[in-house]
N, C-alpha and C. Protein backbone atom coordinates (compact mmCIF):
# COMPACT_ATOMS: atom_id res chain seq x y z
N UNK A 1 -89.22 56.66 -0.23
CA UNK A 1 -89.31 55.74 0.92
C UNK A 1 -89.00 56.57 2.19
N UNK A 2 -89.81 56.39 3.16
CA UNK A 2 -89.61 57.07 4.47
C UNK A 2 -89.37 56.15 5.54
N UNK A 3 -88.41 56.34 6.46
CA UNK A 3 -88.17 55.55 7.58
C UNK A 3 -88.58 56.27 8.86
N UNK A 4 -89.07 55.59 9.79
CA UNK A 4 -89.38 56.26 11.02
C UNK A 4 -88.71 55.46 12.19
N UNK A 5 -88.18 56.33 13.09
CA UNK A 5 -87.64 55.73 14.33
C UNK A 5 -88.57 56.11 15.45
N UNK A 6 -88.63 55.26 16.42
CA UNK A 6 -89.47 55.49 17.54
C UNK A 6 -88.72 55.38 18.88
N UNK A 7 -88.85 56.40 19.72
CA UNK A 7 -88.18 56.38 21.01
C UNK A 7 -89.23 56.93 22.04
N UNK A 8 -89.49 56.09 23.00
CA UNK A 8 -90.39 56.55 24.09
C UNK A 8 -91.72 57.08 23.54
N UNK A 9 -92.24 56.43 22.48
CA UNK A 9 -93.50 56.83 21.96
C UNK A 9 -93.42 58.00 20.96
N UNK A 10 -92.29 58.67 20.81
CA UNK A 10 -92.14 59.82 19.84
C UNK A 10 -91.60 59.18 18.52
N UNK A 11 -92.09 59.74 17.43
CA UNK A 11 -91.71 59.25 16.18
C UNK A 11 -90.89 60.40 15.42
N UNK A 12 -89.79 60.04 14.83
CA UNK A 12 -88.93 60.91 14.13
C UNK A 12 -88.77 60.40 12.80
N UNK A 13 -89.09 61.19 11.79
CA UNK A 13 -88.91 60.80 10.37
C UNK A 13 -87.49 61.13 9.98
N UNK A 14 -86.88 60.22 9.26
CA UNK A 14 -85.55 60.42 8.82
C UNK A 14 -85.46 61.45 7.70
N UNK A 15 -84.92 62.51 7.94
CA UNK A 15 -84.99 63.69 6.93
C UNK A 15 -84.21 63.52 5.65
N UNK A 16 -83.06 62.75 5.79
CA UNK A 16 -82.21 62.61 4.58
C UNK A 16 -82.91 61.83 3.46
N UNK A 17 -84.02 61.17 3.78
CA UNK A 17 -84.78 60.39 2.82
C UNK A 17 -85.59 61.40 1.90
N UNK A 18 -85.85 62.52 2.41
CA UNK A 18 -86.76 63.50 1.67
C UNK A 18 -86.14 64.02 0.46
N UNK A 19 -86.72 63.64 -0.69
CA UNK A 19 -86.15 63.98 -1.97
C UNK A 19 -87.34 64.50 -2.87
N UNK A 20 -88.50 64.78 -2.19
CA UNK A 20 -89.72 65.28 -2.91
C UNK A 20 -89.60 66.70 -3.32
N UNK A 21 -90.17 67.06 -4.46
CA UNK A 21 -90.11 68.50 -4.83
C UNK A 21 -91.04 69.29 -3.95
N UNK A 22 -90.81 70.56 -3.87
CA UNK A 22 -91.57 71.53 -3.05
C UNK A 22 -91.35 71.25 -1.46
N UNK A 23 -90.26 70.61 -1.15
CA UNK A 23 -89.84 70.51 0.33
C UNK A 23 -89.14 71.82 0.62
N UNK A 24 -89.60 72.53 1.55
CA UNK A 24 -88.93 73.79 2.01
C UNK A 24 -87.97 73.36 3.16
N UNK A 25 -86.74 73.59 2.90
CA UNK A 25 -85.73 73.26 3.98
C UNK A 25 -84.64 74.34 3.95
N UNK A 26 -83.76 74.27 4.95
CA UNK A 26 -82.67 75.12 5.07
C UNK A 26 -81.55 74.48 5.94
N UNK A 27 -80.38 74.76 5.57
CA UNK A 27 -79.25 74.30 6.38
C UNK A 27 -78.59 75.45 7.06
N UNK A 28 -78.36 75.43 8.32
CA UNK A 28 -77.72 76.52 9.09
C UNK A 28 -76.56 76.04 9.86
N UNK A 29 -75.38 76.54 9.44
CA UNK A 29 -74.15 76.13 10.18
C UNK A 29 -74.22 76.69 11.62
N UNK A 30 -73.66 75.95 12.58
CA UNK A 30 -73.51 76.44 14.01
C UNK A 30 -72.11 76.08 14.39
N UNK A 31 -71.62 76.86 15.42
CA UNK A 31 -70.41 76.55 16.12
C UNK A 31 -70.73 76.34 17.53
N UNK A 32 -70.14 75.27 18.16
CA UNK A 32 -70.37 74.97 19.59
C UNK A 32 -69.41 75.85 20.32
N UNK A 33 -70.04 76.72 21.08
CA UNK A 33 -69.21 77.73 21.89
C UNK A 33 -68.99 77.21 23.32
N UNK A 34 -67.95 77.71 23.96
CA UNK A 34 -67.60 77.33 25.35
C UNK A 34 -68.74 77.58 26.32
N UNK A 35 -69.52 78.63 26.19
CA UNK A 35 -70.60 78.86 27.12
C UNK A 35 -71.81 78.04 26.92
N UNK A 36 -71.80 77.11 25.90
CA UNK A 36 -72.97 76.21 25.61
C UNK A 36 -72.76 74.83 26.11
N UNK A 37 -71.53 74.53 26.69
CA UNK A 37 -71.22 73.21 27.18
C UNK A 37 -71.22 73.15 28.71
N UNK A 38 -71.26 71.90 29.19
CA UNK A 38 -71.23 71.68 30.61
C UNK A 38 -69.76 71.37 31.02
N UNK A 39 -69.55 70.93 32.27
CA UNK A 39 -68.24 70.66 32.74
C UNK A 39 -67.50 69.49 32.01
N UNK A 40 -68.32 68.67 31.34
CA UNK A 40 -67.76 67.57 30.53
C UNK A 40 -67.42 68.02 29.09
N UNK A 41 -67.71 69.22 28.73
CA UNK A 41 -67.44 69.65 27.42
C UNK A 41 -68.51 69.35 26.41
N UNK A 42 -69.68 68.88 26.89
CA UNK A 42 -70.75 68.47 26.05
C UNK A 42 -71.86 69.54 26.10
N UNK A 43 -72.52 69.77 25.00
CA UNK A 43 -73.58 70.73 24.89
C UNK A 43 -74.61 70.45 25.99
N UNK A 44 -75.00 71.50 26.82
CA UNK A 44 -76.03 71.28 27.74
C UNK A 44 -77.35 71.07 26.99
N UNK A 45 -78.20 70.20 27.44
CA UNK A 45 -79.34 69.74 26.73
C UNK A 45 -80.36 70.91 26.37
N UNK A 46 -80.49 72.01 27.08
CA UNK A 46 -81.33 73.05 26.81
C UNK A 46 -80.93 73.89 25.59
N UNK A 47 -79.61 73.86 25.29
CA UNK A 47 -79.08 74.61 24.15
C UNK A 47 -79.64 74.14 22.74
N UNK A 48 -79.99 72.86 22.74
CA UNK A 48 -80.49 72.30 21.46
C UNK A 48 -81.78 73.02 21.00
N UNK A 49 -82.53 73.47 21.96
CA UNK A 49 -83.79 74.17 21.68
C UNK A 49 -83.38 75.56 20.99
N UNK A 50 -82.28 76.18 21.48
CA UNK A 50 -81.82 77.41 20.91
C UNK A 50 -81.31 77.21 19.49
N UNK A 51 -80.67 76.13 19.21
CA UNK A 51 -80.20 75.78 17.81
C UNK A 51 -81.45 75.66 16.94
N UNK A 52 -82.52 74.95 17.40
CA UNK A 52 -83.66 74.79 16.60
C UNK A 52 -84.33 76.20 16.32
N UNK A 53 -84.31 77.01 17.30
CA UNK A 53 -84.96 78.37 17.20
C UNK A 53 -84.15 79.13 16.22
N UNK A 54 -82.88 79.07 16.21
CA UNK A 54 -82.02 79.78 15.23
C UNK A 54 -82.30 79.37 13.80
N UNK A 55 -82.48 77.98 13.67
CA UNK A 55 -82.84 77.45 12.34
C UNK A 55 -84.23 77.97 11.92
N UNK A 56 -85.18 78.04 12.79
CA UNK A 56 -86.54 78.50 12.48
C UNK A 56 -86.48 79.93 12.02
N UNK A 57 -85.70 80.81 12.73
CA UNK A 57 -85.58 82.16 12.36
C UNK A 57 -84.95 82.35 10.90
N UNK A 58 -83.84 81.57 10.73
CA UNK A 58 -83.21 81.59 9.37
C UNK A 58 -84.23 81.13 8.31
N UNK A 59 -84.96 80.04 8.63
CA UNK A 59 -85.97 79.58 7.69
C UNK A 59 -87.03 80.61 7.33
N UNK A 60 -87.49 81.29 8.39
CA UNK A 60 -88.47 82.42 8.21
C UNK A 60 -87.90 83.52 7.32
N UNK A 61 -86.63 83.87 7.49
CA UNK A 61 -86.00 84.93 6.78
C UNK A 61 -85.90 84.49 5.32
N UNK A 62 -85.60 83.19 5.05
CA UNK A 62 -85.37 82.72 3.64
C UNK A 62 -86.77 82.67 2.91
N UNK A 63 -87.80 82.19 3.58
CA UNK A 63 -89.04 81.90 2.96
C UNK A 63 -90.16 82.83 3.24
N UNK A 64 -89.77 83.97 3.97
CA UNK A 64 -90.94 84.97 4.21
C UNK A 64 -91.90 84.56 5.23
N UNK A 65 -91.44 83.86 6.28
CA UNK A 65 -92.45 83.43 7.32
C UNK A 65 -91.76 83.85 8.65
N UNK A 66 -91.55 85.12 8.81
CA UNK A 66 -90.81 85.72 9.90
C UNK A 66 -91.73 85.98 11.05
N UNK A 67 -91.25 85.89 12.24
CA UNK A 67 -92.04 86.14 13.46
C UNK A 67 -92.66 87.57 13.52
N UNK A 68 -91.88 88.58 13.16
CA UNK A 68 -92.38 89.93 13.22
C UNK A 68 -93.46 90.15 12.20
N UNK A 69 -93.37 89.55 10.96
CA UNK A 69 -94.38 89.62 9.93
C UNK A 69 -95.69 88.96 10.54
N UNK A 70 -95.62 87.83 11.14
CA UNK A 70 -96.75 87.12 11.70
C UNK A 70 -97.35 87.96 12.87
N UNK A 71 -96.51 88.62 13.69
CA UNK A 71 -96.95 89.49 14.69
C UNK A 71 -97.71 90.71 14.07
N UNK A 72 -97.18 91.22 13.07
CA UNK A 72 -97.86 92.34 12.41
C UNK A 72 -99.23 91.90 11.79
N UNK A 73 -99.30 90.69 11.44
CA UNK A 73 -100.61 90.12 10.91
C UNK A 73 -101.63 89.84 12.07
N UNK A 74 -101.11 89.94 13.33
CA UNK A 74 -101.99 89.80 14.44
C UNK A 74 -101.90 88.43 15.22
N UNK A 75 -100.75 87.75 15.10
CA UNK A 75 -100.67 86.44 15.67
C UNK A 75 -99.33 86.23 16.41
N UNK A 76 -99.42 85.42 17.45
CA UNK A 76 -98.29 84.82 18.05
C UNK A 76 -98.20 83.35 17.58
N UNK A 77 -97.02 82.73 17.71
CA UNK A 77 -96.86 81.32 17.29
C UNK A 77 -96.25 80.56 18.37
N UNK A 78 -96.88 80.23 19.47
CA UNK A 78 -96.21 79.50 20.57
C UNK A 78 -95.96 78.05 20.13
N UNK A 79 -94.87 77.51 20.66
CA UNK A 79 -94.55 76.11 20.49
C UNK A 79 -95.45 75.31 21.48
N UNK A 80 -96.21 74.29 21.00
CA UNK A 80 -97.00 73.45 21.76
C UNK A 80 -96.47 72.06 21.88
N UNK A 81 -95.47 71.69 21.04
CA UNK A 81 -94.90 70.44 21.06
C UNK A 81 -93.45 70.53 20.63
N UNK A 82 -92.52 69.91 21.41
CA UNK A 82 -91.12 69.93 21.05
C UNK A 82 -90.56 68.59 21.49
N UNK A 83 -89.94 67.90 20.53
CA UNK A 83 -89.36 66.60 20.83
C UNK A 83 -87.90 66.59 20.36
N UNK A 84 -87.06 66.11 21.14
CA UNK A 84 -85.64 65.96 20.84
C UNK A 84 -85.16 64.60 21.14
N UNK A 85 -84.47 64.03 20.12
CA UNK A 85 -83.81 62.74 20.34
C UNK A 85 -82.26 62.91 20.23
N UNK A 86 -81.62 62.67 21.33
CA UNK A 86 -80.15 62.81 21.35
C UNK A 86 -79.48 61.47 20.95
N UNK A 87 -78.74 61.56 19.88
CA UNK A 87 -78.10 60.37 19.36
C UNK A 87 -76.60 60.25 19.71
N UNK A 88 -75.96 61.44 19.61
CA UNK A 88 -74.55 61.55 19.92
C UNK A 88 -74.32 62.97 20.52
N UNK A 89 -73.31 63.12 21.42
CA UNK A 89 -73.13 64.42 21.93
C UNK A 89 -72.45 65.37 21.11
N UNK A 90 -72.80 66.63 21.22
CA UNK A 90 -72.08 67.72 20.55
C UNK A 90 -71.08 68.21 21.55
N UNK A 91 -69.87 68.41 21.10
CA UNK A 91 -68.66 68.70 21.91
C UNK A 91 -68.20 70.09 21.56
N UNK A 92 -67.65 70.80 22.59
CA UNK A 92 -67.07 72.13 22.42
C UNK A 92 -66.12 72.07 21.19
N UNK A 93 -66.27 73.11 20.28
CA UNK A 93 -65.41 73.22 19.20
C UNK A 93 -65.94 72.65 17.94
N UNK A 94 -66.99 71.77 17.96
CA UNK A 94 -67.57 71.17 16.76
C UNK A 94 -68.23 72.34 15.97
N UNK A 95 -68.41 72.03 14.67
CA UNK A 95 -69.13 72.91 13.79
C UNK A 95 -70.18 72.18 12.99
N UNK A 96 -71.17 71.71 13.64
CA UNK A 96 -72.22 71.00 12.87
C UNK A 96 -73.18 71.95 12.13
N UNK A 97 -74.17 71.39 11.56
CA UNK A 97 -75.18 72.22 10.88
C UNK A 97 -76.57 71.74 11.41
N UNK A 98 -77.49 72.70 11.38
CA UNK A 98 -78.92 72.27 11.64
C UNK A 98 -79.66 72.32 10.31
N UNK A 99 -80.23 71.21 10.08
CA UNK A 99 -81.10 70.99 8.87
C UNK A 99 -82.52 71.03 9.33
N UNK A 100 -83.28 71.99 8.78
CA UNK A 100 -84.75 72.15 9.18
C UNK A 100 -85.52 71.92 7.95
N UNK A 101 -86.68 71.24 8.08
CA UNK A 101 -87.61 70.93 7.07
C UNK A 101 -88.98 71.33 7.56
N UNK A 102 -89.68 72.04 6.71
CA UNK A 102 -91.06 72.40 6.91
C UNK A 102 -91.90 71.21 6.56
N UNK A 103 -92.89 70.82 7.41
CA UNK A 103 -93.77 69.73 7.12
C UNK A 103 -95.23 70.34 6.97
N UNK A 104 -95.71 70.27 5.69
CA UNK A 104 -97.02 70.75 5.41
C UNK A 104 -98.06 70.08 6.27
N UNK A 105 -99.07 70.81 6.69
CA UNK A 105 -100.06 70.26 7.51
C UNK A 105 -101.42 70.95 7.19
N UNK A 106 -102.56 70.21 7.19
CA UNK A 106 -103.82 70.82 6.86
C UNK A 106 -104.32 71.63 8.00
N UNK A 107 -103.92 71.42 9.23
CA UNK A 107 -104.36 72.11 10.45
C UNK A 107 -103.63 73.50 10.41
N UNK A 108 -104.12 74.33 11.34
CA UNK A 108 -103.56 75.67 11.61
C UNK A 108 -102.34 75.53 12.41
N UNK A 109 -101.34 74.97 11.96
CA UNK A 109 -100.07 74.70 12.64
C UNK A 109 -98.90 74.85 11.79
N UNK A 110 -97.75 75.24 12.38
CA UNK A 110 -96.47 75.20 11.63
C UNK A 110 -95.61 74.14 12.25
N UNK A 111 -95.25 73.14 11.34
CA UNK A 111 -94.57 71.94 11.81
C UNK A 111 -93.21 71.85 11.12
N UNK A 112 -92.16 71.60 11.98
CA UNK A 112 -90.82 71.44 11.49
C UNK A 112 -90.21 70.19 12.00
N UNK A 113 -89.37 69.55 11.28
CA UNK A 113 -88.46 68.48 11.66
C UNK A 113 -87.01 69.05 11.53
N UNK A 114 -86.09 68.51 12.37
CA UNK A 114 -84.79 69.02 12.52
C UNK A 114 -83.76 67.88 12.53
N UNK A 115 -82.59 68.08 12.04
CA UNK A 115 -81.43 67.31 12.33
C UNK A 115 -80.26 68.17 12.55
N UNK A 116 -79.53 67.87 13.61
CA UNK A 116 -78.26 68.54 13.85
C UNK A 116 -77.22 67.44 13.43
N UNK A 117 -76.42 67.82 12.47
CA UNK A 117 -75.60 66.77 11.87
C UNK A 117 -74.20 67.36 11.40
N UNK A 118 -73.41 66.35 11.08
CA UNK A 118 -72.07 66.67 10.60
C UNK A 118 -72.16 67.13 9.15
N UNK A 119 -71.51 68.35 8.79
CA UNK A 119 -71.80 68.94 7.53
C UNK A 119 -71.18 68.16 6.35
N UNK A 120 -70.24 67.30 6.64
CA UNK A 120 -69.57 66.57 5.56
C UNK A 120 -70.20 65.17 5.42
N UNK A 121 -70.28 64.40 6.55
CA UNK A 121 -70.73 63.04 6.54
C UNK A 121 -72.24 62.93 6.58
N UNK A 122 -72.94 63.95 7.03
CA UNK A 122 -74.31 63.98 7.31
C UNK A 122 -74.77 63.10 8.50
N UNK A 123 -73.80 62.65 9.28
CA UNK A 123 -74.05 61.81 10.40
C UNK A 123 -74.93 62.66 11.44
N UNK A 124 -76.02 62.07 11.89
CA UNK A 124 -76.99 62.83 12.73
C UNK A 124 -76.54 62.65 14.21
N UNK A 125 -76.42 63.82 14.82
CA UNK A 125 -76.22 63.92 16.35
C UNK A 125 -77.47 63.99 17.04
N UNK A 126 -78.43 64.79 16.51
CA UNK A 126 -79.70 65.10 17.20
C UNK A 126 -80.74 65.18 16.16
N UNK A 127 -82.00 64.57 16.49
CA UNK A 127 -83.19 64.76 15.71
C UNK A 127 -84.22 65.39 16.51
N UNK A 128 -85.07 66.25 15.81
CA UNK A 128 -86.08 66.92 16.59
C UNK A 128 -87.31 67.24 15.77
N UNK A 129 -88.36 67.66 16.43
CA UNK A 129 -89.63 67.99 15.84
C UNK A 129 -90.23 69.06 16.69
N UNK A 130 -90.93 70.03 16.00
CA UNK A 130 -91.60 71.04 16.78
C UNK A 130 -92.99 71.41 16.00
N UNK A 131 -93.98 71.79 16.89
CA UNK A 131 -95.22 72.16 16.36
C UNK A 131 -95.62 73.46 16.96
N UNK A 132 -95.97 74.43 16.12
CA UNK A 132 -96.46 75.75 16.63
C UNK A 132 -97.88 75.99 16.18
N UNK A 133 -98.61 76.66 16.97
CA UNK A 133 -100.04 77.05 16.67
C UNK A 133 -100.14 78.49 16.57
N UNK A 134 -101.29 78.99 16.09
CA UNK A 134 -101.50 80.44 15.99
C UNK A 134 -102.43 80.86 17.15
N UNK A 135 -101.97 81.94 17.70
CA UNK A 135 -102.74 82.59 18.86
C UNK A 135 -103.01 84.04 18.51
N UNK A 136 -104.18 84.52 18.65
CA UNK A 136 -104.52 85.85 18.49
C UNK A 136 -103.72 86.72 19.42
N UNK A 137 -102.98 87.68 18.87
CA UNK A 137 -102.11 88.47 19.76
C UNK A 137 -102.91 89.37 20.75
N UNK A 138 -104.09 89.74 20.43
CA UNK A 138 -104.85 90.63 21.24
C UNK A 138 -105.61 89.89 22.34
N UNK A 139 -106.25 88.82 21.97
CA UNK A 139 -107.09 88.03 22.86
C UNK A 139 -106.36 86.81 23.55
N UNK A 140 -105.25 86.47 23.02
CA UNK A 140 -104.48 85.25 23.42
C UNK A 140 -105.27 84.00 23.30
N UNK A 141 -106.23 83.98 22.37
CA UNK A 141 -107.05 82.78 22.13
C UNK A 141 -106.45 82.01 21.00
N UNK A 142 -106.48 80.63 21.07
CA UNK A 142 -106.09 79.72 20.03
C UNK A 142 -106.82 79.99 18.78
N UNK A 143 -106.23 80.09 17.61
CA UNK A 143 -106.90 80.20 16.38
C UNK A 143 -106.97 78.86 15.69
N UNK A 144 -108.18 78.42 15.41
CA UNK A 144 -108.42 77.03 14.90
C UNK A 144 -108.30 76.93 13.40
N UNK A 145 -108.51 77.95 12.70
CA UNK A 145 -108.34 78.02 11.26
C UNK A 145 -107.08 78.78 10.89
N UNK A 146 -106.44 78.24 9.77
CA UNK A 146 -105.21 78.94 9.36
C UNK A 146 -105.53 80.38 8.97
N UNK A 147 -104.76 81.33 9.44
CA UNK A 147 -104.86 82.72 9.07
C UNK A 147 -104.66 82.86 7.55
N UNK A 148 -105.34 83.87 6.98
CA UNK A 148 -105.29 84.15 5.57
C UNK A 148 -103.81 84.29 5.05
N UNK A 149 -102.99 85.01 5.84
CA UNK A 149 -101.63 85.21 5.34
C UNK A 149 -100.84 83.81 5.26
N UNK A 150 -101.19 82.93 6.16
CA UNK A 150 -100.55 81.62 6.19
C UNK A 150 -101.00 80.74 5.05
N UNK A 151 -102.28 80.83 4.67
CA UNK A 151 -102.78 80.12 3.49
C UNK A 151 -102.18 80.70 2.27
N UNK A 152 -102.03 82.03 2.16
CA UNK A 152 -101.42 82.65 1.02
C UNK A 152 -99.94 82.19 0.91
N UNK A 153 -99.26 82.14 2.05
CA UNK A 153 -97.88 81.65 2.12
C UNK A 153 -97.72 80.23 1.57
N UNK A 154 -98.59 79.39 2.03
CA UNK A 154 -98.51 77.97 1.64
C UNK A 154 -98.82 77.87 0.14
N UNK A 155 -99.70 78.68 -0.36
CA UNK A 155 -100.03 78.63 -1.80
C UNK A 155 -98.86 79.16 -2.62
N UNK A 156 -98.21 80.16 -2.08
CA UNK A 156 -97.00 80.75 -2.76
C UNK A 156 -95.94 79.71 -2.95
N UNK A 157 -95.69 78.91 -1.94
CA UNK A 157 -94.63 77.95 -1.94
C UNK A 157 -95.12 76.58 -2.35
N UNK A 158 -96.44 76.49 -2.63
CA UNK A 158 -97.05 75.19 -3.24
C UNK A 158 -96.86 74.08 -2.21
N UNK A 159 -97.13 74.34 -0.93
CA UNK A 159 -96.98 73.35 0.12
C UNK A 159 -98.36 73.07 0.78
N UNK A 160 -99.43 73.23 0.12
CA UNK A 160 -100.75 72.93 0.71
C UNK A 160 -100.96 71.41 0.71
N UNK A 161 -101.60 71.03 1.74
CA UNK A 161 -101.95 69.54 1.86
C UNK A 161 -103.30 69.30 1.35
């Protein structure tokens, strides 16, 4: 069973419901540092993007989908969509975790959903979603078909749609 929340036209799937096999996910602990908060002691909104990026890099290292490998294959992977839903503030000194889930897609895209949550209670502070596309690193043109290395990667992890 999957639940969806909608805010301002954006849809966020509840990740904790995901119990299907072949779901590629990773949990990355983070610590809220002093330089990441504003004068109220709350994480500045732009830092959530960095937490998502840290989770994507850790995911890539775990599953063999690293940025430098894709670059060596001849591609950039720019983010073309990024949605963040703030549910509760993150405060200086907290130690939440970022939970990232790969969402299989038939298109030439890399899609992730995120939750920043309490590591013990799994209470969600922030939910997010990102979409990356493939761009030829030499021509800077959008690539409409999944690159061969990406199709091979999806086959390896059995996440083809």
